[in-house]
Amino acid sequence: MDAQSGLQPCYRHPGTETGIRCTRCEKPVCPECMISASVGFQCPDCVRGGSGTGHAAGANRPRTLAGGRVRSDDRLVTKVLIGINLLVYVLVLVGGDRIVAELELVGRAFEPLLGENIGVAFGEWYRLLTATVLHQEPWHILLNLLGLWMIGGVVEPELGRSRYALLCLLSGLSGSVLAYVVAAPNQPSLGASGIVFGLIGAWAVLDRRLRHDMGPVALFVALSLVMTFTRPGISWEGHIGGLLAGALVTFVFVYAPRARRNLVQYGACGLLLLIEVGIVLARTAALS
């Protein structure tokens, strides 16, 4: 707190000082977080809890750190993503190895089970995404869904639904693209680890932006990387690709200038997608 000005840091954005307090809970709120009420302003927590009603509450919607809308269910995308992973896992349990062969990430290979050549190099680009929600072992899906729930529960409320969904998409895709480029063409890979590592990268950037203690997240990142490079059978390419993309996308989301926030944020995501398409085209041409 500034003793001379009487300002305090916003409870959601510690880097922004404010002299405004929520009329209900008295927490300090910055201009980005304050919501007009019949008397004074309210914080997003009080509005989300049902305290703000009517036109005044809807006229100035609360925003997340990245500029998205604050929602009553701030884990909806995480829940949908977990549901998709579970649905695909049920399909694997029913269809067996054939489903895995049809959806896993492979650059170029002959699949005896299907009796044909398969892979991204043969035009099966969908594998870059289907592999990110595909699991074969119970322990694998359990660990990834646990990571999605725990870390996604930290990241999604700060980004908002649309930006969080983009983060997950680009993190998973980036992990697949790096694996497609670096790994052996006939080496299969699967799992939501690329998305989870993208969330880890996002978590680190958010902690930095919010000026939190970086010790815990730094330790978590270090341990995750140690496990990535020491355990056999791990697609380190998927992990590293997801981690880098998640950190980069989140950096753009939370540091974009407020005046042109949407243009910078969505433009950067579009540019990253175009770069990855170009990389996939180049790798496909090399393999073909």
C-alpha atoms as a PDB file:
ATOM      1  CA  MET A   1       0.000   0.000   0.000  1.00  0.00           C
ATOM      2  CA  ASP A   2       1.198   3.527  -0.818  1.00  0.00           C
ATOM      3  CA  ALA A   3       1.133   5.345   2.526  1.00  0.00           C
ATOM      4  CA  GLN A   4       0.996   8.786   0.907  1.00  0.00           C
ATOM      5  CA  SER A   5      -1.651   8.182  -1.731  1.00  0.00           C
ATOM      6  CA  GLY A   6      -3.701   5.605   0.178  1.00  0.00           C
ATOM      7  CA  LEU A   7      -3.741   3.332  -2.882  1.00  0.00           C
ATOM      8  CA  GLN A   8      -3.747  -0.450  -2.635  1.00  0.00           C
ATOM      9  CA  PRO A   9      -3.063  -3.152  -5.234  1.00  0.00           C
ATOM     10  CA  CYS A  10      -6.109  -4.653  -6.921  1.00  0.00           C
ATOM     11  CA  TYR A  11      -6.915  -8.035  -5.399  1.00  0.00           C
ATOM     12  CA  ARG A  12      -6.918  -9.636  -8.876  1.00  0.00           C
ATOM     13  CA  HIS A  13      -4.170  -7.552 -10.500  1.00  0.00           C
ATOM     14  CA  PRO A  14      -1.481  -6.897  -7.849  1.00  0.00           C
ATOM     15  CA  GLY A  15       0.524  -4.788 -10.280  1.00  0.00           C
ATOM     16  CA  THR A  16      -2.270  -2.176 -10.522  1.00  0.00           C
ATOM     17  CA  GLU A  17      -2.935   0.213  -7.627  1.00  0.00           C
ATOM     18  CA  THR A  18      -6.414   1.559  -6.999  1.00  0.00           C
ATOM     19  CA  GLY A  19      -8.369   3.644  -4.568  1.00  0.00           C
ATOM     20  CA  ILE A  20     -11.706   1.945  -5.339  1.00  0.00           C
ATOM     21  CA  ARG A  21     -13.176  -0.766  -3.104  1.00  0.00           C
ATOM     22  CA  CYS A  22     -16.039  -3.196  -3.645  1.00  0.00           C
ATOM     23  CA  THR A  23     -19.124  -1.885  -1.873  1.00  0.00           C
ATOM     24  CA  ARG A  24     -19.953  -5.373  -0.577  1.00  0.00           C
ATOM     25  CA  CYS A  25     -16.689  -7.049   0.450  1.00  0.00           C
ATOM     26  CA  GLU A  26     -14.441  -3.945   0.436  1.00  0.00           C
ATOM     27  CA  LYS A  27     -11.693  -5.592  -1.595  1.00  0.00           C
ATOM     28  CA  PRO A  28      -9.669  -3.090  -3.702  1.00  0.00           C
ATOM     29  CA  VAL A  29     -10.601  -3.278  -7.395  1.00  0.00           C
ATOM     30  CA  CYS A  30      -8.921  -1.634 -10.384  1.00  0.00           C
ATOM     31  CA  PRO A  31     -10.842  -0.024 -13.290  1.00  0.00           C
ATOM     32  CA  GLU A  32     -10.628  -3.264 -15.286  1.00  0.00           C
ATOM     33  CA  CYS A  33     -12.306  -5.281 -12.520  1.00  0.00           C
ATOM     34  CA  MET A  34     -14.872  -2.869 -11.082  1.00  0.00           C
ATOM     35  CA  ILE A  35     -18.489  -3.426 -12.067  1.00  0.00           C
ATOM     36  CA  SER A  36     -21.036  -0.644 -11.778  1.00  0.00           C
ATOM     37  CA  ALA A  37     -23.661  -1.281  -9.115  1.00  0.00           C
ATOM     38  CA  SER A  38     -26.678   0.682  -7.926  1.00  0.00           C
ATOM     39  CA  VAL A  39     -24.341   2.216  -5.345  1.00  0.00           C
ATOM     40  CA  GLY A  40     -20.620   2.368  -6.124  1.00  0.00           C
ATOM     41  CA  PHE A  41     -18.828  -0.607  -7.645  1.00  0.00           C
ATOM     42  CA  GLN A  42     -18.626  -4.328  -6.979  1.00  0.00           C
ATOM     43  CA  CYS A  43     -15.828  -6.845  -7.547  1.00  0.00           C
ATOM     44  CA  PRO A  44     -16.109  -9.792  -9.992  1.00  0.00           C
ATOM     45  CA  ASP A  45     -16.373 -12.299  -7.122  1.00  0.00           C
ATOM     46  CA  CYS A  46     -19.441 -10.605  -5.658  1.00  0.00           C
ATOM     47  CA  VAL A  47     -21.092 -10.257  -9.078  1.00  0.00           C
ATOM     48  CA  ARG A  48     -20.285 -13.872  -9.958  1.00  0.00           C
ATOM     49  CA  GLY A  49     -21.755 -14.980  -6.654  1.00  0.00           C
ATOM     50  CA  GLY A  50     -25.051 -13.353  -7.548  1.00  0.00           C
ATOM     51  CA  SER A  51     -24.604 -10.072  -5.722  1.00  0.00           C
ATOM     52  CA  GLY A  52     -24.786  -7.900  -8.842  1.00  0.00           C
ATOM     53  CA  THR A  53     -28.090  -7.928 -10.680  1.00  0.00           C
ATOM     54  CA  GLY A  54     -29.993  -5.923 -13.217  1.00  0.00           C
ATOM     55  CA  HIS A  55     -28.802  -3.553 -15.895  1.00  0.00           C
ATOM     56  CA  ALA A  56     -26.049  -1.944 -13.848  1.00  0.00           C
ATOM     57  CA  ALA A  57     -24.317  -5.240 -13.284  1.00  0.00           C
ATOM     58  CA  GLY A  58     -24.470  -6.191 -16.945  1.00  0.00           C
ATOM     59  CA  ALA A  59     -23.476  -2.807 -18.318  1.00  0.00           C
ATOM     60  CA  ASN A  60     -19.834  -3.110 -17.243  1.00  0.00           C
ATOM     61  CA  ARG A  61     -18.944  -6.783 -17.302  1.00  0.00           C
ATOM     62  CA  PRO A  62     -15.948  -7.931 -15.271  1.00  0.00           C
ATOM     63  CA  ARG A  63     -12.910  -8.965 -17.265  1.00  0.00           C
ATOM     64  CA  THR A  64     -10.217 -11.541 -16.714  1.00  0.00           C
ATOM     65  CA  LEU A  65      -6.537 -10.665 -16.655  1.00  0.00           C
ATOM     66  CA  ALA A  66      -6.366 -11.316 -20.409  1.00  0.00           C
ATOM     67  CA  GLY A  67      -9.540  -9.369 -21.196  1.00  0.00           C
ATOM     68  CA  GLY A  68     -12.068 -12.214 -21.355  1.00  0.00           C
ATOM     69  CA  ARG A  69     -15.407 -12.210 -19.574  1.00  0.00           C
ATOM     70  CA  VAL A  70     -15.601 -13.496 -16.020  1.00  0.00           C
ATOM     71  CA  ARG A  71     -18.032 -16.433 -15.959  1.00  0.00           C
ATOM     72  CA  SER A  72     -19.934 -18.145 -13.177  1.00  0.00           C
ATOM     73  CA  ASP A  73     -18.415 -21.474 -14.248  1.00  0.00           C
ATOM     74  CA  ASP A  74     -14.747 -20.666 -14.771  1.00  0.00           C
ATOM     75  CA  ARG A  75     -13.768 -24.263 -15.608  1.00  0.00           C
ATOM     76  CA  LEU A  76     -16.252 -24.993 -18.380  1.00  0.00           C
ATOM     77  CA  VAL A  77     -13.663 -25.428 -21.167  1.00  0.00           C
ATOM     78  CA  THR A  78     -11.538 -27.598 -18.884  1.00  0.00           C
ATOM     79  CA  LYS A  79     -14.552 -29.812 -18.179  1.00  0.00           C
ATOM     80  CA  VAL A  80     -15.375 -30.090 -21.893  1.00  0.00           C
ATOM     81  CA  LEU A  81     -11.762 -30.987 -22.684  1.00  0.00           C
ATOM     82  CA  ILE A  82     -11.729 -33.648 -19.979  1.00  0.00           C
ATOM     83  CA  GLY A  83     -15.011 -34.995 -21.340  1.00  0.00           C
ATOM     84  CA  ILE A  84     -13.559 -35.271 -24.856  1.00  0.00           C
ATOM     85  CA  ASN A  85     -10.546 -37.173 -23.539  1.00  0.00           C
ATOM     86  CA  LEU A  86     -12.784 -39.568 -21.624  1.00  0.00           C
ATOM     87  CA  LEU A  87     -15.035 -40.109 -24.640  1.00  0.00           C
ATOM     88  CA  VAL A  88     -12.080 -40.952 -26.883  1.00  0.00           C
ATOM     89  CA  TYR A  89     -10.710 -43.271 -24.189  1.00  0.00           C
ATOM     90  CA  VAL A  90     -14.036 -45.146 -24.139  1.00  0.00           C
ATOM     91  CA  LEU A  91     -13.800 -45.493 -27.921  1.00  0.00           C
ATOM     92  CA  VAL A  92     -10.325 -46.994 -27.475  1.00  0.00           C
ATOM     93  CA  LEU A  93     -11.654 -49.443 -24.878  1.00  0.00           C
ATOM     94  CA  VAL A  94     -14.380 -50.511 -27.305  1.00  0.00           C
ATOM     95  CA  GLY A  95     -12.450 -50.424 -30.587  1.00  0.00           C
ATOM     96  CA  GLY A  96      -9.037 -51.441 -29.292  1.00  0.00           C
ATOM     97  CA  ASP A  97      -5.775 -51.011 -31.163  1.00  0.00           C
ATOM     98  CA  ARG A  98      -7.516 -50.193 -34.435  1.00  0.00           C
ATOM     99  CA  ILE A  99      -8.859 -46.910 -33.015  1.00  0.00           C
ATOM    100  CA  VAL A 100      -5.390 -46.055 -31.702  1.00  0.00           C
ATOM    101  CA  ALA A 101      -3.866 -46.768 -35.122  1.00  0.00           C
ATOM    102  CA  GLU A 102      -6.404 -44.497 -36.799  1.00  0.00           C
ATOM    103  CA  LEU A 103      -5.944 -41.531 -34.431  1.00  0.00           C
ATOM    104  CA  GLU A 104      -2.354 -41.548 -33.093  1.00  0.00           C
ATOM    105  CA  LEU A 105       0.288 -39.171 -34.404  1.00  0.00           C
ATOM    106  CA  VAL A 106       2.509 -40.813 -37.017  1.00  0.00           C
ATOM    107  CA  GLY A 107       4.599 -39.042 -39.635  1.00  0.00           C
ATOM    108  CA  ARG A 108       4.809 -41.787 -42.220  1.00  0.00           C
ATOM    109  CA  ALA A 109       4.522 -45.550 -41.734  1.00  0.00           C
ATOM    110  CA  PHE A 110       2.895 -48.750 -42.942  1.00  0.00           C
ATOM    111  CA  GLU A 111       0.282 -49.984 -40.470  1.00  0.00           C
ATOM    112  CA  PRO A 112      -0.253 -53.785 -40.700  1.00  0.00           C
ATOM    113  CA  LEU A 113      -3.396 -53.540 -38.586  1.00  0.00           C
ATOM    114  CA  LEU A 114      -5.009 -51.263 -41.170  1.00  0.00           C
ATOM    115  CA  GLY A 115      -3.167 -52.752 -44.147  1.00  0.00           C
ATOM    116  CA  GLU A 116      -2.163 -49.377 -45.556  1.00  0.00           C
ATOM    117  CA  ASN A 117       0.246 -46.465 -45.328  1.00  0.00           C
ATOM    118  CA  ILE A 118      -0.706 -43.962 -42.664  1.00  0.00           C
ATOM    119  CA  GLY A 119       0.543 -40.668 -41.329  1.00  0.00           C
ATOM    120  CA  VAL A 120       0.446 -36.907 -41.627  1.00  0.00           C
ATOM    121  CA  ALA A 121       2.704 -37.129 -44.679  1.00  0.00           C
ATOM    122  CA  PHE A 122      -0.103 -38.995 -46.478  1.00  0.00           C
ATOM    123  CA  GLY A 123      -2.557 -36.151 -45.898  1.00  0.00           C
ATOM    124  CA  GLU A 124      -3.901 -37.289 -42.520  1.00  0.00           C
ATOM    125  CA  TRP A 125      -3.417 -33.912 -40.862  1.00  0.00           C
ATOM    126  CA  TYR A 126      -6.193 -34.640 -38.402  1.00  0.00           C
ATOM    127  CA  ARG A 127      -3.718 -36.815 -36.483  1.00  0.00           C
ATOM    128  CA  LEU A 128      -1.981 -33.650 -35.274  1.00  0.00           C
ATOM    129  CA  LEU A 129      -5.080 -32.948 -33.168  1.00  0.00           C
ATOM    130  CA  THR A 130      -6.690 -36.331 -32.529  1.00  0.00           C
ATOM    131  CA  ALA A 131      -3.472 -37.568 -30.931  1.00  0.00           C
ATOM    132  CA  THR A 132      -3.746 -34.815 -28.300  1.00  0.00           C
ATOM    133  CA  VAL A 133      -6.904 -36.360 -26.802  1.00  0.00           C
ATOM    134  CA  LEU A 134      -5.950 -40.008 -27.312  1.00  0.00           C
ATOM    135  CA  HIS A 135      -4.827 -42.336 -24.508  1.00  0.00           C
ATOM    136  CA  GLN A 136      -4.251 -46.056 -24.304  1.00  0.00           C
ATOM    137  CA  GLU A 137      -3.090 -46.731 -20.737  1.00  0.00           C
ATOM    138  CA  PRO A 138      -5.199 -45.959 -17.627  1.00  0.00           C
ATOM    139  CA  TRP A 139      -2.292 -44.320 -15.775  1.00  0.00           C
ATOM    140  CA  HIS A 140      -1.592 -42.080 -18.779  1.00  0.00           C
ATOM    141  CA  ILE A 141      -5.065 -40.616 -19.028  1.00  0.00           C
ATOM    142  CA  LEU A 142      -5.329 -40.351 -15.235  1.00  0.00           C
ATOM    143  CA  LEU A 143      -2.178 -38.249 -14.953  1.00  0.00           C
ATOM    144  CA  ASN A 144      -3.096 -35.999 -17.872  1.00  0.00           C
ATOM    145  CA  LEU A 145      -6.668 -35.412 -16.709  1.00  0.00           C
ATOM    146  CA  LEU A 146      -5.405 -34.624 -13.229  1.00  0.00           C
ATOM    147  CA  GLY A 147      -3.022 -32.075 -14.741  1.00  0.00           C
ATOM    148  CA  LEU A 148      -5.797 -30.574 -16.863  1.00  0.00           C
ATOM    149  CA  TRP A 149      -8.099 -30.195 -13.874  1.00  0.00           C
ATOM    150  CA  MET A 150      -5.562 -28.788 -11.435  1.00  0.00           C
ATOM    151  CA  ILE A 151      -3.577 -26.461 -13.696  1.00  0.00           C
ATOM    152  CA  GLY A 152      -6.502 -25.640 -15.958  1.00  0.00           C
ATOM    153  CA  GLY A 153      -8.386 -24.542 -12.855  1.00  0.00           C
ATOM    154  CA  VAL A 154      -5.674 -21.931 -12.305  1.00  0.00           C
ATOM    155  CA  VAL A 155      -5.286 -20.778 -15.907  1.00  0.00           C
ATOM    156  CA  GLU A 156      -8.825 -20.720 -17.313  1.00  0.00           C
ATOM    157  CA  PRO A 157     -10.246 -18.166 -14.826  1.00  0.00           C
ATOM    158  CA  GLU A 158      -7.403 -15.750 -15.666  1.00  0.00           C
ATOM    159  CA  LEU A 159      -7.741 -16.006 -19.455  1.00  0.00           C
ATOM    160  CA  GLY A 160     -11.443 -16.534 -20.060  1.00  0.00           C
ATOM    161  CA  ARG A 161     -13.055 -19.261 -22.134  1.00  0.00           C
ATOM    162  CA  SER A 162     -12.171 -18.309 -25.700  1.00  0.00           C
ATOM    163  CA  ARG A 163      -8.541 -17.458 -24.981  1.00  0.00           C
ATOM    164  CA  TYR A 164      -8.116 -20.528 -22.824  1.00  0.00           C
ATOM    165  CA  ALA A 165      -9.554 -22.735 -25.567  1.00  0.00           C
ATOM    166  CA  LEU A 166      -7.099 -21.199 -28.050  1.00  0.00           C
ATOM    167  CA  LEU A 167      -4.253 -21.792 -25.618  1.00  0.00           C
ATOM    168  CA  CYS A 168      -5.130 -25.488 -25.297  1.00  0.00           C
ATOM    169  CA  LEU A 169      -5.554 -25.895 -29.057  1.00  0.00           C
ATOM    170  CA  LEU A 170      -2.256 -24.237 -29.956  1.00  0.00           C
ATOM    171  CA  SER A 171      -0.338 -25.974 -27.165  1.00  0.00           C
ATOM    172  CA  GLY A 172      -1.487 -29.415 -28.250  1.00  0.00           C
ATOM    173  CA  LEU A 173      -0.949 -28.622 -31.921  1.00  0.00           C
ATOM    174  CA  SER A 174       2.533 -27.211 -31.300  1.00  0.00           C
ATOM    175  CA  GLY A 175       3.553 -30.338 -29.431  1.00  0.00           C
ATOM    176  CA  SER A 176       2.333 -32.480 -32.320  1.00  0.00           C
ATOM    177  CA  VAL A 177       4.091 -30.329 -34.919  1.00  0.00           C
ATOM    178  CA  LEU A 178       7.425 -30.529 -33.091  1.00  0.00           C
ATOM    179  CA  ALA A 179       7.039 -34.300 -32.767  1.00  0.00           C
ATOM    180  CA  TYR A 180       6.195 -34.559 -36.486  1.00  0.00           C
ATOM    181  CA  VAL A 181       9.304 -32.591 -37.422  1.00  0.00           C
ATOM    182  CA  VAL A 182      11.868 -34.033 -34.978  1.00  0.00           C
ATOM    183  CA  ALA A 183      10.800 -37.599 -34.156  1.00  0.00           C
ATOM    184  CA  ALA A 184      11.294 -40.558 -36.478  1.00  0.00           C
ATOM    185  CA  PRO A 185       8.527 -40.651 -39.119  1.00  0.00           C
ATOM    186  CA  ASN A 186       7.310 -44.083 -37.989  1.00  0.00           C
ATOM    187  CA  GLN A 187       7.374 -43.282 -34.277  1.00  0.00           C
ATOM    188  CA  PRO A 188       3.824 -42.980 -32.914  1.00  0.00           C
ATOM    189  CA  SER A 189       2.868 -40.616 -30.110  1.00  0.00           C
ATOM    190  CA  LEU A 190      -0.350 -39.778 -28.303  1.00  0.00           C
ATOM    191  CA  GLY A 191      -1.712 -38.112 -25.187  1.00  0.00           C
ATOM    192  CA  ALA A 192      -2.803 -34.734 -23.808  1.00  0.00           C
ATOM    193  CA  SER A 193       0.637 -34.038 -22.344  1.00  0.00           C
ATOM    194  CA  GLY A 194       1.298 -31.283 -24.884  1.00  0.00           C
ATOM    195  CA  ILE A 195      -1.782 -29.432 -23.653  1.00  0.00           C
ATOM    196  CA  VAL A 196      -0.853 -30.013 -20.004  1.00  0.00           C
ATOM    197  CA  PHE A 197       2.647 -28.665 -20.599  1.00  0.00           C
ATOM    198  CA  GLY A 198       1.116 -25.699 -22.391  1.00  0.00           C
ATOM    199  CA  LEU A 199      -0.875 -25.003 -19.242  1.00  0.00           C
ATOM    200  CA  ILE A 200       2.317 -25.285 -17.182  1.00  0.00           C
ATOM    201  CA  GLY A 201       3.935 -22.648 -19.395  1.00  0.00           C
ATOM    202  CA  ALA A 202       0.839 -20.471 -19.068  1.00  0.00           C
ATOM    203  CA  TRP A 203       0.872 -20.866 -15.279  1.00  0.00           C
ATOM    204  CA  ALA A 204       4.479 -19.651 -15.129  1.00  0.00           C
ATOM    205  CA  VAL A 205       3.721 -16.562 -17.236  1.00  0.00           C
ATOM    206  CA  LEU A 206       0.619 -15.756 -15.177  1.00  0.00           C
ATOM    207  CA  ASP A 207       2.559 -15.998 -11.918  1.00  0.00           C
ATOM    208  CA  ARG A 208       5.131 -13.612 -13.338  1.00  0.00           C
ATOM    209  CA  ARG A 209       2.456 -11.183 -14.521  1.00  0.00           C
ATOM    210  CA  LEU A 210       0.671 -11.273 -11.164  1.00  0.00           C
ATOM    211  CA  ARG A 211       3.975 -10.890  -9.299  1.00  0.00           C
ATOM    212  CA  HIS A 212       3.493 -14.083  -7.332  1.00  0.00           C
ATOM    213  CA  ASP A 213       6.326 -16.037  -5.789  1.00  0.00           C
ATOM    214  CA  MET A 214       7.906 -17.856  -8.744  1.00  0.00           C
ATOM    215  CA  GLY A 215       9.530 -20.524  -6.561  1.00  0.00           C
ATOM    216  CA  PRO A 216       6.715 -23.133  -6.615  1.00  0.00           C
ATOM    217  CA  VAL A 217       6.001 -22.891 -10.340  1.00  0.00           C
ATOM    218  CA  ALA A 218       9.729 -22.912 -11.196  1.00  0.00           C
ATOM    219  CA  LEU A 219      10.174 -26.071  -9.135  1.00  0.00           C
ATOM    220  CA  PHE A 220       7.160 -27.673 -10.814  1.00  0.00           C
ATOM    221  CA  VAL A 221       8.499 -26.833 -14.290  1.00  0.00           C
ATOM    222  CA  ALA A 222      11.927 -28.218 -13.380  1.00  0.00           C
ATOM    223  CA  LEU A 223      10.469 -31.480 -12.057  1.00  0.00           C
ATOM    224  CA  SER A 224       8.252 -31.848 -15.118  1.00  0.00           C
ATOM    225  CA  LEU A 225      11.244 -31.427 -17.423  1.00  0.00           C
ATOM    226  CA  VAL A 226      13.316 -33.915 -15.432  1.00  0.00           C
ATOM    227  CA  MET A 227      10.534 -36.487 -15.764  1.00  0.00           C
ATOM    228  CA  THR A 228      10.231 -35.710 -19.474  1.00  0.00           C
ATOM    229  CA  PHE A 229      13.869 -36.453 -20.234  1.00  0.00           C
ATOM    230  CA  THR A 230      14.507 -39.297 -17.779  1.00  0.00           C
ATOM    231  CA  ARG A 231      11.472 -41.541 -18.176  1.00  0.00           C
ATOM    232  CA  PRO A 232      11.525 -43.938 -21.152  1.00  0.00           C
ATOM    233  CA  GLY A 233       8.817 -43.823 -23.791  1.00  0.00           C
ATOM    234  CA  ILE A 234       8.030 -40.121 -23.304  1.00  0.00           C
ATOM    235  CA  SER A 235       7.543 -37.874 -26.331  1.00  0.00           C
ATOM    236  CA  TRP A 236       9.719 -35.004 -25.163  1.00  0.00           C
ATOM    237  CA  GLU A 237       8.934 -33.184 -28.403  1.00  0.00           C
ATOM    238  CA  GLY A 238       5.254 -32.977 -27.476  1.00  0.00           C
ATOM    239  CA  HIS A 239       6.066 -31.720 -23.998  1.00  0.00           C
ATOM    240  CA  ILE A 240       8.550 -29.061 -25.085  1.00  0.00           C
ATOM    241  CA  GLY A 241       6.423 -27.907 -28.013  1.00  0.00           C
ATOM    242  CA  GLY A 242       3.408 -27.512 -25.753  1.00  0.00           C
ATOM    243  CA  LEU A 243       5.393 -25.761 -23.018  1.00  0.00           C
ATOM    244  CA  LEU A 244       6.905 -23.181 -25.364  1.00  0.00           C
ATOM    245  CA  ALA A 245       3.638 -22.483 -27.177  1.00  0.00           C
ATOM    246  CA  GLY A 246       1.689 -22.188 -23.926  1.00  0.00           C
ATOM    247  CA  ALA A 247       4.173 -19.712 -22.470  1.00  0.00           C
ATOM    248  CA  LEU A 248       4.329 -17.667 -25.685  1.00  0.00           C
ATOM    249  CA  VAL A 249       0.566 -17.484 -26.230  1.00  0.00           C
ATOM    250  CA  THR A 250      -0.111 -16.570 -22.607  1.00  0.00           C
ATOM    251  CA  PHE A 251       2.606 -13.903 -22.678  1.00  0.00           C
ATOM    252  CA  VAL A 252       0.827 -12.258 -25.609  1.00  0.00           C
ATOM    253  CA  PHE A 253      -2.551 -12.606 -23.898  1.00  0.00           C
ATOM    254  CA  VAL A 254      -1.573 -10.906 -20.641  1.00  0.00           C
ATOM    255  CA  TYR A 255       0.899  -8.304 -21.930  1.00  0.00           C
ATOM    256  CA  ALA A 256      -0.976  -7.143 -25.038  1.00  0.00           C
ATOM    257  CA  PRO A 257      -1.685  -3.383 -24.950  1.00  0.00           C
ATOM    258  CA  ARG A 258      -5.207  -2.814 -23.706  1.00  0.00           C
ATOM    259  CA  ALA A 259      -6.124  -0.425 -26.527  1.00  0.00           C
ATOM    260  CA  ARG A 260      -5.500  -3.070 -29.219  1.00  0.00           C
ATOM    261  CA  ARG A 261      -5.783  -6.170 -27.082  1.00  0.00           C
ATOM    262  CA  ASN A 262      -8.041  -8.323 -29.257  1.00  0.00           C
ATOM    263  CA  LEU A 263      -6.134  -7.495 -32.444  1.00  0.00           C
ATOM    264  CA  VAL A 264      -2.764  -8.343 -30.905  1.00  0.00           C
ATOM    265  CA  GLN A 265      -3.968 -11.472 -29.116  1.00  0.00           C
ATOM    266  CA  TYR A 266      -5.901 -13.115 -31.928  1.00  0.00           C
ATOM    267  CA  GLY A 267      -3.463 -11.865 -34.550  1.00  0.00           C
ATOM    268  CA  ALA A 268      -0.562 -13.535 -32.712  1.00  0.00           C
ATOM    269  CA  CYS A 269      -2.521 -16.790 -32.458  1.00  0.00           C
ATOM    270  CA  GLY A 270      -3.291 -16.667 -36.174  1.00  0.00           C
ATOM    271  CA  LEU A 271       0.364 -15.999 -36.988  1.00  0.00           C
ATOM    272  CA  LEU A 272       1.511 -18.941 -34.859  1.00  0.00           C
ATOM    273  CA  LEU A 273      -1.011 -21.177 -36.604  1.00  0.00           C
ATOM    274  CA  LEU A 274       0.205 -20.063 -40.049  1.00  0.00           C
ATOM    275  CA  ILE A 275       3.823 -20.735 -39.055  1.00  0.00           C
ATOM    276  CA  GLU A 276       2.930 -24.220 -37.893  1.00  0.00           C
ATOM    277  CA  VAL A 277       1.022 -24.942 -41.101  1.00  0.00           C
ATOM    278  CA  GLY A 278       4.088 -23.875 -43.050  1.00  0.00           C
ATOM    279  CA  ILE A 279       6.312 -26.158 -40.957  1.00  0.00           C
ATOM    280  CA  VAL A 280       3.984 -29.105 -41.504  1.00  0.00           C
ATOM    281  CA  LEU A 281       3.912 -28.446 -45.274  1.00  0.00           C
ATOM    282  CA  ALA A 282       7.714 -28.328 -45.394  1.00  0.00           C
ATOM    283  CA  ARG A 283       8.086 -31.537 -43.371  1.00  0.00           C
ATOM    284  CA  THR A 284       5.468 -33.286 -45.496  1.00  0.00           C
ATOM    285  CA  ALA A 285       7.292 -32.295 -48.669  1.00  0.00           C
ATOM    286  CA  ALA A 286      10.540 -33.677 -47.214  1.00  0.00           C
ATOM    287  CA  LEU A 287       8.939 -36.991 -46.274  1.00  0.00           C
ATOM    288  CA  SER A 288       7.104 -37.314 -49.577  1.00  0.00           C
END
